[in-house]
């Protein structure tokens, strides 16, 4: 599926990948749900997230927390008309060079969250994210620099990254986990 470039495409891709992700999770066996993710014997999977996330709960919480960042971004910047006054997408103590540490902190924060709670939180944050996307026009979402606070990017770029693309990332991890469980 190509990267969405319109509001309609974004909404469709986010819905399609969300439903595919939920269907994939619902189709996991007890063994697949209860076996911790382990990609340590796969050198091609060297990025930090391959060792950070240990189960489906961790994936859903990761997606939930990134939804929270997206949902706060426009709220934090309401009325901001210049880039200098903008509040960044990431919390002030992190940058795009250090967001891995933020992801680790978010992972640690939710180690006592149940899978059931993670599923509920993710479903609610997905619905809120879809509502946020629906509240903007195509131009507001996909015209770069439409909002001073998005910098050189379009707001839609943040939305794509936090919905359809992120859901595809989660499905890739689940597929790799299922393959490991089948060995």
N, C-alpha and C. Protein backbone atom coordinates (compact mmCIF):
# COMPACT_ATOMS: atom_id res chain seq x y z
N UNK A 1 0.84 -1.17 0.00
CA UNK A 1 0.00 0.00 0.00
C UNK A 1 0.89 1.24 0.00
N UNK A 2 0.69 2.16 -0.95
CA UNK A 2 1.50 3.37 -0.97
C UNK A 2 1.19 4.28 0.22
N UNK A 3 2.16 5.10 0.57
CA UNK A 3 2.00 6.03 1.68
C UNK A 3 0.87 7.01 1.35
N UNK A 4 -0.11 7.17 2.24
CA UNK A 4 -1.23 8.08 1.97
C UNK A 4 -0.77 9.52 1.75
N UNK A 5 -1.42 10.16 0.78
CA UNK A 5 -1.11 11.55 0.46
C UNK A 5 -2.35 12.43 0.49
N UNK A 6 -3.50 11.84 0.86
CA UNK A 6 -4.74 12.60 1.00
C UNK A 6 -5.43 12.15 2.29
N UNK A 7 -6.34 12.99 2.76
CA UNK A 7 -7.09 12.67 3.97
C UNK A 7 -7.85 11.35 3.80
N UNK A 8 -8.55 11.20 2.67
CA UNK A 8 -9.32 9.97 2.44
C UNK A 8 -8.42 8.74 2.43
N UNK A 9 -7.27 8.85 1.78
CA UNK A 9 -6.33 7.73 1.74
C UNK A 9 -5.79 7.42 3.13
N UNK A 10 -5.51 8.46 3.89
CA UNK A 10 -5.00 8.27 5.26
C UNK A 10 -6.04 7.57 6.12
N UNK A 11 -7.27 8.04 6.10
CA UNK A 11 -8.32 7.41 6.90
C UNK A 11 -8.52 5.95 6.50
N UNK A 12 -8.51 5.69 5.19
CA UNK A 12 -8.70 4.32 4.70
C UNK A 12 -7.53 3.43 5.11
N UNK A 13 -6.30 3.90 4.95
CA UNK A 13 -5.12 3.10 5.29
C UNK A 13 -5.05 2.85 6.80
N UNK A 14 -5.35 3.86 7.60
CA UNK A 14 -5.33 3.70 9.05
C UNK A 14 -6.38 2.68 9.48
N UNK A 15 -7.57 2.77 8.93
CA UNK A 15 -8.64 1.83 9.26
C UNK A 15 -8.27 0.41 8.82
N UNK A 16 -7.78 0.28 7.60
CA UNK A 16 -7.43 -1.04 7.06
C UNK A 16 -6.32 -1.69 7.89
N UNK A 17 -5.26 -0.95 8.19
CA UNK A 17 -4.15 -1.53 8.95
C UNK A 17 -4.53 -1.79 10.40
N UNK A 18 -5.37 -0.93 10.97
CA UNK A 18 -5.84 -1.16 12.34
C UNK A 18 -6.62 -2.48 12.39
N UNK A 19 -7.55 -2.63 11.47
CA UNK A 19 -8.37 -3.84 11.45
C UNK A 19 -7.52 -5.08 11.19
N UNK A 20 -6.54 -4.97 10.30
CA UNK A 20 -5.65 -6.10 10.02
C UNK A 20 -4.81 -6.46 11.25
N UNK A 21 -4.35 -5.44 11.97
CA UNK A 21 -3.56 -5.68 13.18
C UNK A 21 -4.40 -6.38 14.25
N UNK A 22 -5.61 -5.89 14.47
CA UNK A 22 -6.49 -6.50 15.47
C UNK A 22 -6.83 -7.94 15.07
N UNK A 23 -7.10 -8.16 13.80
CA UNK A 23 -7.40 -9.51 13.31
C UNK A 23 -6.20 -10.43 13.52
N UNK A 24 -5.00 -9.91 13.27
CA UNK A 24 -3.79 -10.70 13.45
C UNK A 24 -3.62 -11.07 14.93
N UNK A 25 -3.83 -10.11 15.80
CA UNK A 25 -3.71 -10.37 17.25
C UNK A 25 -4.77 -11.38 17.70
N UNK A 26 -6.01 -11.19 17.24
CA UNK A 26 -7.09 -12.10 17.60
C UNK A 26 -6.81 -13.53 17.12
N UNK A 27 -6.04 -13.66 16.06
CA UNK A 27 -5.73 -14.98 15.50
C UNK A 27 -4.53 -15.67 16.12
N UNK A 28 -3.88 -15.01 17.06
CA UNK A 28 -2.71 -15.63 17.70
C UNK A 28 -3.15 -16.79 18.60
N UNK A 29 -2.37 -17.85 18.56
CA UNK A 29 -2.62 -18.99 19.45
C UNK A 29 -2.19 -18.64 20.87
N UNK A 30 -2.59 -19.47 21.81
CA UNK A 30 -2.15 -19.27 23.20
C UNK A 30 -0.62 -19.30 23.28
N UNK A 31 -0.01 -20.23 22.55
CA UNK A 31 1.45 -20.33 22.55
C UNK A 31 2.06 -19.02 22.05
N UNK A 32 1.53 -18.50 20.95
CA UNK A 32 2.07 -17.27 20.37
C UNK A 32 1.86 -16.07 21.29
N UNK A 33 0.74 -16.03 21.98
CA UNK A 33 0.47 -14.94 22.92
C UNK A 33 1.34 -15.02 24.16
N UNK A 34 1.66 -16.24 24.58
CA UNK A 34 2.38 -16.43 25.85
C UNK A 34 3.88 -16.62 25.71
N UNK A 35 4.37 -16.77 24.49
CA UNK A 35 5.80 -16.90 24.27
C UNK A 35 6.41 -15.52 24.09
N UNK A 36 7.39 -15.16 24.90
CA UNK A 36 8.01 -13.84 24.74
C UNK A 36 8.68 -13.70 23.37
N UNK A 37 8.62 -12.51 22.84
CA UNK A 37 9.31 -12.22 21.58
C UNK A 37 10.81 -12.41 21.82
N UNK A 38 11.47 -13.06 20.89
CA UNK A 38 12.92 -13.23 20.99
C UNK A 38 13.51 -13.28 19.58
N UNK A 39 14.17 -12.21 19.22
CA UNK A 39 14.79 -12.11 17.90
C UNK A 39 16.31 -12.05 18.02
N UNK A 40 16.83 -12.49 19.16
CA UNK A 40 18.26 -12.38 19.45
C UNK A 40 19.14 -13.19 18.50
N UNK A 41 18.56 -14.23 17.89
CA UNK A 41 19.35 -15.05 16.97
C UNK A 41 19.24 -14.58 15.51
N UNK A 42 18.69 -13.38 15.33
CA UNK A 42 18.49 -12.85 13.98
C UNK A 42 19.26 -11.53 13.83
N UNK A 43 20.48 -11.60 13.33
CA UNK A 43 21.33 -10.40 13.25
C UNK A 43 20.74 -9.27 12.41
N UNK A 44 19.82 -9.58 11.50
CA UNK A 44 19.22 -8.51 10.69
C UNK A 44 18.25 -7.65 11.51
N UNK A 45 17.85 -8.16 12.65
CA UNK A 45 16.92 -7.44 13.52
C UNK A 45 17.71 -6.81 14.67
N UNK A 46 18.52 -5.81 14.32
CA UNK A 46 19.42 -5.23 15.32
C UNK A 46 18.92 -3.92 15.94
N UNK A 47 17.86 -3.31 15.35
CA UNK A 47 17.35 -2.07 15.93
C UNK A 47 16.84 -2.35 17.35
N UNK A 48 16.88 -1.33 18.20
CA UNK A 48 16.56 -1.50 19.61
C UNK A 48 15.17 -2.07 19.85
N UNK A 49 14.21 -1.72 19.02
CA UNK A 49 12.84 -2.18 19.27
C UNK A 49 12.71 -3.70 19.17
N UNK A 50 13.59 -4.35 18.42
CA UNK A 50 13.51 -5.82 18.31
C UNK A 50 13.82 -6.49 19.64
N UNK A 51 14.64 -5.87 20.46
CA UNK A 51 14.93 -6.44 21.77
C UNK A 51 14.08 -5.82 22.88
N UNK A 52 13.55 -4.63 22.64
CA UNK A 52 12.76 -3.94 23.67
C UNK A 52 11.39 -4.61 23.86
N UNK A 53 10.65 -4.78 22.80
CA UNK A 53 9.29 -5.29 22.90
C UNK A 53 9.30 -6.80 23.07
N UNK A 54 8.65 -7.27 24.14
CA UNK A 54 8.69 -8.70 24.49
C UNK A 54 7.38 -9.42 24.24
N UNK A 55 6.32 -8.68 23.89
CA UNK A 55 5.00 -9.31 23.72
C UNK A 55 4.04 -8.34 23.03
N UNK A 56 2.83 -8.82 22.78
CA UNK A 56 1.82 -8.01 22.10
C UNK A 56 1.46 -6.79 22.94
N UNK A 57 1.40 -6.95 24.24
CA UNK A 57 1.11 -5.81 25.11
C UNK A 57 2.10 -4.67 24.88
N UNK A 58 3.37 -5.01 24.79
CA UNK A 58 4.39 -3.98 24.56
C UNK A 58 4.16 -3.25 23.25
N UNK A 59 3.77 -3.97 22.21
CA UNK A 59 3.49 -3.33 20.92
C UNK A 59 2.31 -2.39 21.03
N UNK A 60 1.23 -2.86 21.64
CA UNK A 60 0.03 -2.03 21.75
C UNK A 60 0.27 -0.79 22.60
N UNK A 61 1.02 -0.94 23.67
CA UNK A 61 1.34 0.21 24.52
C UNK A 61 2.21 1.20 23.76
N UNK A 62 3.14 0.70 22.98
CA UNK A 62 3.99 1.59 22.16
C UNK A 62 3.11 2.41 21.21
N UNK A 63 2.19 1.75 20.53
CA UNK A 63 1.29 2.45 19.61
C UNK A 63 0.41 3.44 20.36
N UNK A 64 -0.11 3.04 21.51
CA UNK A 64 -0.93 3.92 22.34
C UNK A 64 -0.17 5.17 22.75
N UNK A 65 1.04 5.00 23.24
CA UNK A 65 1.82 6.15 23.71
C UNK A 65 2.15 7.11 22.56
N UNK A 66 2.42 6.57 21.37
CA UNK A 66 2.69 7.45 20.23
C UNK A 66 1.40 8.14 19.78
N UNK A 67 0.26 7.49 19.94
CA UNK A 67 -1.01 8.18 19.69
C UNK A 67 -1.13 9.38 20.64
N UNK A 68 -0.75 9.17 21.89
CA UNK A 68 -0.85 10.27 22.87
C UNK A 68 -0.01 11.47 22.44
N UNK A 69 1.19 11.19 21.92
CA UNK A 69 2.04 12.28 21.42
C UNK A 69 1.34 13.02 20.29
N UNK A 70 0.76 12.27 19.36
CA UNK A 70 0.07 12.88 18.22
C UNK A 70 -1.14 13.68 18.68
N UNK A 71 -1.90 13.15 19.60
CA UNK A 71 -3.11 13.84 20.07
C UNK A 71 -2.77 15.14 20.80
N UNK A 72 -1.65 15.17 21.51
CA UNK A 72 -1.24 16.37 22.25
C UNK A 72 -0.62 17.43 21.35
N UNK A 73 -0.05 17.01 20.23
CA UNK A 73 0.70 17.93 19.36
C UNK A 73 -0.14 19.14 18.92
N UNK A 74 -1.32 18.95 18.33
CA UNK A 74 -2.12 20.13 17.94
C UNK A 74 -2.64 20.90 19.15
N UNK A 75 -3.02 20.19 20.22
CA UNK A 75 -3.52 20.87 21.43
C UNK A 75 -2.44 21.78 22.01
N UNK A 76 -1.21 21.26 22.10
CA UNK A 76 -0.11 22.03 22.66
C UNK A 76 0.22 23.25 21.82
N UNK A 77 -0.13 23.23 20.56
CA UNK A 77 0.25 24.30 19.64
C UNK A 77 -0.93 25.14 19.15
N UNK A 78 -2.06 25.00 19.79
CA UNK A 78 -3.24 25.78 19.40
C UNK A 78 -2.92 27.28 19.50
N UNK A 79 -3.12 27.97 18.41
CA UNK A 79 -2.87 29.41 18.38
C UNK A 79 -1.43 29.80 18.09
N UNK A 80 -0.54 28.83 17.96
CA UNK A 80 0.87 29.13 17.68
C UNK A 80 1.01 29.48 16.20
N UNK A 81 1.61 30.63 15.93
CA UNK A 81 1.72 31.07 14.53
C UNK A 81 3.16 31.15 14.03
N UNK A 82 4.11 30.81 14.89
CA UNK A 82 5.51 30.82 14.44
C UNK A 82 6.25 29.62 15.02
N UNK A 83 7.23 29.16 14.27
CA UNK A 83 7.96 27.95 14.64
C UNK A 83 8.69 28.10 15.98
N UNK A 84 9.16 29.30 16.27
CA UNK A 84 9.92 29.52 17.51
C UNK A 84 9.07 29.29 18.77
N UNK A 85 7.78 29.55 18.68
CA UNK A 85 6.89 29.37 19.83
C UNK A 85 6.31 27.97 19.92
N UNK A 86 6.56 27.16 18.93
CA UNK A 86 5.96 25.83 18.87
C UNK A 86 6.49 24.90 19.95
N UNK A 87 5.60 24.03 20.41
CA UNK A 87 5.98 22.97 21.33
C UNK A 87 6.22 21.74 20.47
N UNK A 88 7.38 21.15 20.61
CA UNK A 88 7.79 20.02 19.77
C UNK A 88 6.87 18.81 19.94
N UNK A 89 6.88 17.95 18.95
CA UNK A 89 6.10 16.72 18.98
C UNK A 89 6.57 15.83 20.13
N UNK A 90 7.86 15.66 20.25
CA UNK A 90 8.43 14.83 21.32
C UNK A 90 8.53 15.64 22.61
N UNK A 91 8.45 14.99 23.77
CA UNK A 91 8.65 15.71 25.03
C UNK A 91 9.99 16.44 25.02
N UNK A 92 10.06 17.54 25.73
CA UNK A 92 11.22 18.44 25.70
C UNK A 92 12.55 17.75 25.98
N UNK A 93 12.53 16.72 26.81
CA UNK A 93 13.80 16.07 27.17
C UNK A 93 14.31 15.09 26.12
N UNK A 94 13.56 14.93 25.03
CA UNK A 94 13.96 14.01 23.96
C UNK A 94 14.03 14.72 22.62
N UNK A 95 14.75 14.10 21.70
CA UNK A 95 14.86 14.62 20.34
C UNK A 95 14.72 13.44 19.38
N UNK A 96 14.74 13.72 18.09
CA UNK A 96 14.66 12.62 17.12
C UNK A 96 15.93 11.78 17.15
N UNK A 97 16.99 12.27 17.77
CA UNK A 97 18.21 11.47 17.93
C UNK A 97 18.15 10.61 19.19
N UNK A 98 17.31 10.99 20.16
CA UNK A 98 17.26 10.27 21.44
C UNK A 98 15.91 9.64 21.75
N UNK A 99 15.02 9.59 20.76
CA UNK A 99 13.68 9.07 21.05
C UNK A 99 13.69 7.58 21.43
N UNK A 100 14.77 6.88 21.12
CA UNK A 100 14.89 5.49 21.56
C UNK A 100 14.84 5.39 23.08
N UNK A 101 15.47 6.34 23.75
CA UNK A 101 15.44 6.37 25.22
C UNK A 101 14.02 6.65 25.71
N UNK A 102 13.29 7.50 24.99
CA UNK A 102 11.89 7.76 25.34
C UNK A 102 11.07 6.48 25.18
N UNK A 103 11.29 5.76 24.08
CA UNK A 103 10.56 4.50 23.87
C UNK A 103 10.84 3.52 25.00
N UNK A 104 12.07 3.46 25.45
CA UNK A 104 12.43 2.57 26.57
C UNK A 104 11.71 3.01 27.84
N UNK A 105 11.66 4.31 28.08
CA UNK A 105 10.97 4.84 29.26
C UNK A 105 9.48 4.48 29.19
N UNK A 106 8.87 4.61 28.01
CA UNK A 106 7.45 4.27 27.85
C UNK A 106 7.24 2.78 28.09
N UNK A 107 8.16 1.96 27.61
CA UNK A 107 8.09 0.52 27.83
C UNK A 107 8.12 0.21 29.33
N UNK A 108 9.06 0.83 30.03
CA UNK A 108 9.20 0.61 31.47
C UNK A 108 7.94 1.04 32.22
N UNK A 109 7.35 2.13 31.80
CA UNK A 109 6.16 2.68 32.45
C UNK A 109 5.00 1.69 32.44
N UNK A 110 4.95 0.82 31.47
CA UNK A 110 3.78 -0.04 31.29
C UNK A 110 4.03 -1.52 31.55
N UNK A 111 5.07 -1.85 32.26
CA UNK A 111 5.34 -3.26 32.50
C UNK A 111 4.30 -3.93 33.39
N UNK A 112 3.52 -3.15 34.11
CA UNK A 112 2.45 -3.76 34.91
C UNK A 112 1.08 -3.60 34.25
N UNK A 113 1.02 -3.04 33.07
CA UNK A 113 -0.23 -2.93 32.32
C UNK A 113 -0.57 -4.30 31.74
N UNK A 114 -1.81 -4.70 31.87
CA UNK A 114 -2.23 -6.01 31.34
C UNK A 114 -2.47 -5.91 29.83
N UNK A 115 -2.45 -7.07 29.17
CA UNK A 115 -2.76 -7.11 27.75
C UNK A 115 -4.18 -6.59 27.51
N UNK A 116 -5.11 -6.97 28.36
CA UNK A 116 -6.50 -6.52 28.22
C UNK A 116 -6.58 -4.99 28.30
N UNK A 117 -5.90 -4.41 29.28
CA UNK A 117 -5.90 -2.94 29.40
C UNK A 117 -5.20 -2.30 28.19
N UNK A 118 -4.12 -2.89 27.74
CA UNK A 118 -3.40 -2.35 26.59
C UNK A 118 -4.29 -2.36 25.35
N UNK A 119 -5.04 -3.43 25.17
CA UNK A 119 -5.95 -3.51 24.02
C UNK A 119 -7.00 -2.40 24.10
N UNK A 120 -7.56 -2.20 25.27
CA UNK A 120 -8.59 -1.17 25.46
C UNK A 120 -7.99 0.22 25.23
N UNK A 121 -6.84 0.47 25.80
CA UNK A 121 -6.19 1.78 25.65
C UNK A 121 -5.88 2.06 24.18
N UNK A 122 -5.38 1.05 23.48
CA UNK A 122 -5.05 1.20 22.08
C UNK A 122 -6.31 1.46 21.24
N UNK A 123 -7.37 0.72 21.50
CA UNK A 123 -8.62 0.92 20.75
C UNK A 123 -9.14 2.34 20.96
N UNK A 124 -9.09 2.81 22.19
CA UNK A 124 -9.57 4.17 22.49
C UNK A 124 -8.68 5.24 21.86
N UNK A 125 -7.38 5.02 21.90
CA UNK A 125 -6.48 6.04 21.32
C UNK A 125 -6.55 6.02 19.80
N UNK A 126 -6.78 4.85 19.21
CA UNK A 126 -6.96 4.79 17.76
C UNK A 126 -8.21 5.58 17.37
N UNK A 127 -9.31 5.37 18.09
CA UNK A 127 -10.56 6.09 17.79
C UNK A 127 -10.35 7.60 17.93
N UNK A 128 -9.65 8.02 18.96
CA UNK A 128 -9.39 9.46 19.17
C UNK A 128 -8.50 10.01 18.06
N UNK A 129 -7.54 9.22 17.62
CA UNK A 129 -6.64 9.64 16.54
C UNK A 129 -7.41 9.78 15.23
N UNK A 130 -8.31 8.85 14.96
CA UNK A 130 -9.13 8.93 13.74
C UNK A 130 -10.02 10.18 13.80
N UNK A 131 -10.56 10.46 14.96
CA UNK A 131 -11.40 11.66 15.13
C UNK A 131 -10.58 12.92 14.90
N UNK A 132 -9.34 12.93 15.40
CA UNK A 132 -8.45 14.06 15.18
C UNK A 132 -8.21 14.26 13.68
N UNK A 133 -7.88 13.19 12.98
CA UNK A 133 -7.62 13.28 11.54
C UNK A 133 -8.86 13.80 10.82
N UNK A 134 -10.02 13.28 11.18
CA UNK A 134 -11.26 13.70 10.54
C UNK A 134 -11.55 15.19 10.76
N UNK A 135 -11.02 15.77 11.83
CA UNK A 135 -11.30 17.18 12.14
C UNK A 135 -10.52 18.16 11.26
N UNK A 136 -9.56 17.67 10.49
CA UNK A 136 -8.75 18.54 9.64
C UNK A 136 -9.13 18.36 8.17
N UNK A 137 -8.92 19.41 7.40
CA UNK A 137 -9.16 19.34 5.96
C UNK A 137 -7.97 18.65 5.29
N UNK A 138 -8.16 18.28 4.05
CA UNK A 138 -7.07 17.67 3.29
C UNK A 138 -5.88 18.63 3.22
N UNK A 139 -6.15 19.90 2.98
CA UNK A 139 -5.07 20.91 2.90
C UNK A 139 -4.34 21.03 4.23
N UNK A 140 -5.07 21.08 5.33
CA UNK A 140 -4.44 21.18 6.64
C UNK A 140 -3.56 19.97 6.94
N UNK A 141 -3.98 18.82 6.47
CA UNK A 141 -3.21 17.61 6.73
C UNK A 141 -1.99 17.45 5.83
N UNK A 142 -2.13 17.81 4.55
CA UNK A 142 -1.09 17.42 3.61
C UNK A 142 -0.34 18.56 2.92
N UNK A 143 -0.62 19.79 3.28
CA UNK A 143 0.18 20.89 2.75
C UNK A 143 1.35 21.13 3.70
N UNK A 144 2.58 20.87 3.22
CA UNK A 144 3.74 21.12 4.09
C UNK A 144 3.75 22.58 4.57
N UNK A 145 4.13 22.75 5.81
CA UNK A 145 4.26 24.05 6.45
C UNK A 145 2.91 24.77 6.61
N UNK A 146 1.79 24.06 6.44
CA UNK A 146 0.49 24.70 6.64
C UNK A 146 0.40 25.27 8.06
N UNK A 147 0.91 24.48 9.00
CA UNK A 147 0.98 24.93 10.39
C UNK A 147 2.44 25.21 10.71
N UNK A 148 2.70 26.36 11.29
CA UNK A 148 4.09 26.72 11.64
C UNK A 148 4.70 25.68 12.58
N UNK A 149 3.90 25.11 13.45
CA UNK A 149 4.39 24.20 14.47
C UNK A 149 4.76 22.81 13.95
N UNK A 150 4.47 22.50 12.69
CA UNK A 150 4.89 21.21 12.14
C UNK A 150 6.23 21.32 11.42
N UNK A 151 6.81 22.50 11.39
CA UNK A 151 8.09 22.68 10.72
C UNK A 151 7.95 22.46 9.23
N UNK A 152 8.89 21.75 8.64
CA UNK A 152 8.87 21.51 7.20
C UNK A 152 7.92 20.38 6.80
N UNK A 153 7.44 19.65 7.76
CA UNK A 153 6.55 18.51 7.49
C UNK A 153 5.10 18.96 7.45
N UNK A 154 4.27 18.09 6.95
CA UNK A 154 2.82 18.29 7.00
C UNK A 154 2.28 17.54 8.21
N UNK A 155 1.20 18.03 8.77
CA UNK A 155 0.58 17.34 9.89
C UNK A 155 0.22 15.90 9.50
N UNK A 156 -0.20 15.72 8.26
CA UNK A 156 -0.55 14.38 7.78
C UNK A 156 0.62 13.41 7.85
N UNK A 157 1.84 13.91 7.71
CA UNK A 157 3.01 13.04 7.83
C UNK A 157 3.09 12.42 9.22
N UNK A 158 2.81 13.23 10.23
CA UNK A 158 2.78 12.73 11.60
C UNK A 158 1.66 11.71 11.77
N UNK A 159 0.52 12.00 11.15
CA UNK A 159 -0.64 11.10 11.27
C UNK A 159 -0.38 9.76 10.59
N UNK A 160 0.21 9.78 9.40
CA UNK A 160 0.53 8.53 8.70
C UNK A 160 1.51 7.72 9.54
N UNK A 161 2.54 8.38 10.04
CA UNK A 161 3.57 7.68 10.82
C UNK A 161 3.01 7.06 12.09
N UNK A 162 1.96 7.66 12.65
CA UNK A 162 1.41 7.18 13.91
C UNK A 162 0.17 6.31 13.75
N UNK A 163 -0.21 6.04 12.51
CA UNK A 163 -1.35 5.14 12.28
C UNK A 163 -0.93 4.04 11.31
N UNK A 164 -1.24 4.18 10.05
CA UNK A 164 -1.05 3.09 9.09
C UNK A 164 0.38 2.56 9.08
N UNK A 165 1.37 3.42 9.05
CA UNK A 165 2.77 2.96 9.02
C UNK A 165 3.17 2.26 10.31
N UNK A 166 2.74 2.81 11.42
CA UNK A 166 3.08 2.22 12.72
C UNK A 166 2.37 0.87 12.90
N UNK A 167 1.15 0.77 12.41
CA UNK A 167 0.41 -0.49 12.51
C UNK A 167 1.09 -1.55 11.65
N UNK A 168 1.58 -1.15 10.48
CA UNK A 168 2.30 -2.09 9.60
C UNK A 168 3.58 -2.57 10.29
N UNK A 169 4.26 -1.67 10.99
CA UNK A 169 5.46 -2.04 11.77
C UNK A 169 5.11 -3.10 12.82
N UNK A 170 4.01 -2.89 13.52
CA UNK A 170 3.60 -3.85 14.56
C UNK A 170 3.26 -5.21 13.94
N UNK A 171 2.59 -5.19 12.81
CA UNK A 171 2.25 -6.45 12.15
C UNK A 171 3.50 -7.19 11.69
N UNK A 172 4.50 -6.45 11.24
CA UNK A 172 5.76 -7.07 10.83
C UNK A 172 6.40 -7.81 12.01
N UNK A 173 6.35 -7.18 13.18
CA UNK A 173 6.93 -7.82 14.37
C UNK A 173 6.14 -9.06 14.78
N UNK A 174 4.83 -8.98 14.69
CA UNK A 174 4.01 -10.13 15.05
C UNK A 174 4.24 -11.28 14.07
N UNK A 175 4.34 -10.97 12.78
CA UNK A 175 4.62 -12.01 11.78
C UNK A 175 5.96 -12.69 12.07
N UNK A 176 6.97 -11.90 12.41
CA UNK A 176 8.28 -12.47 12.74
C UNK A 176 8.20 -13.34 13.99
N UNK A 177 7.42 -12.89 14.97
CA UNK A 177 7.23 -13.68 16.19
C UNK A 177 6.52 -15.00 15.89
N UNK A 178 5.48 -14.94 15.07
CA UNK A 178 4.75 -16.16 14.71
C UNK A 178 5.69 -17.15 14.01
N UNK A 179 6.54 -16.63 13.15
CA UNK A 179 7.51 -17.48 12.45
C UNK A 179 8.44 -18.15 13.46
N UNK A 180 8.90 -17.38 14.45
CA UNK A 180 9.75 -17.96 15.50
C UNK A 180 9.04 -19.05 16.28
N UNK A 181 7.77 -18.82 16.58
CA UNK A 181 7.01 -19.79 17.35
C UNK A 181 6.76 -21.08 16.58
N UNK A 182 6.75 -20.98 15.27
CA UNK A 182 6.51 -22.15 14.43
C UNK A 182 7.74 -23.05 14.28
N UNK A 183 8.90 -22.53 14.68
CA UNK A 183 10.16 -23.31 14.53
C UNK A 183 10.17 -24.50 15.46
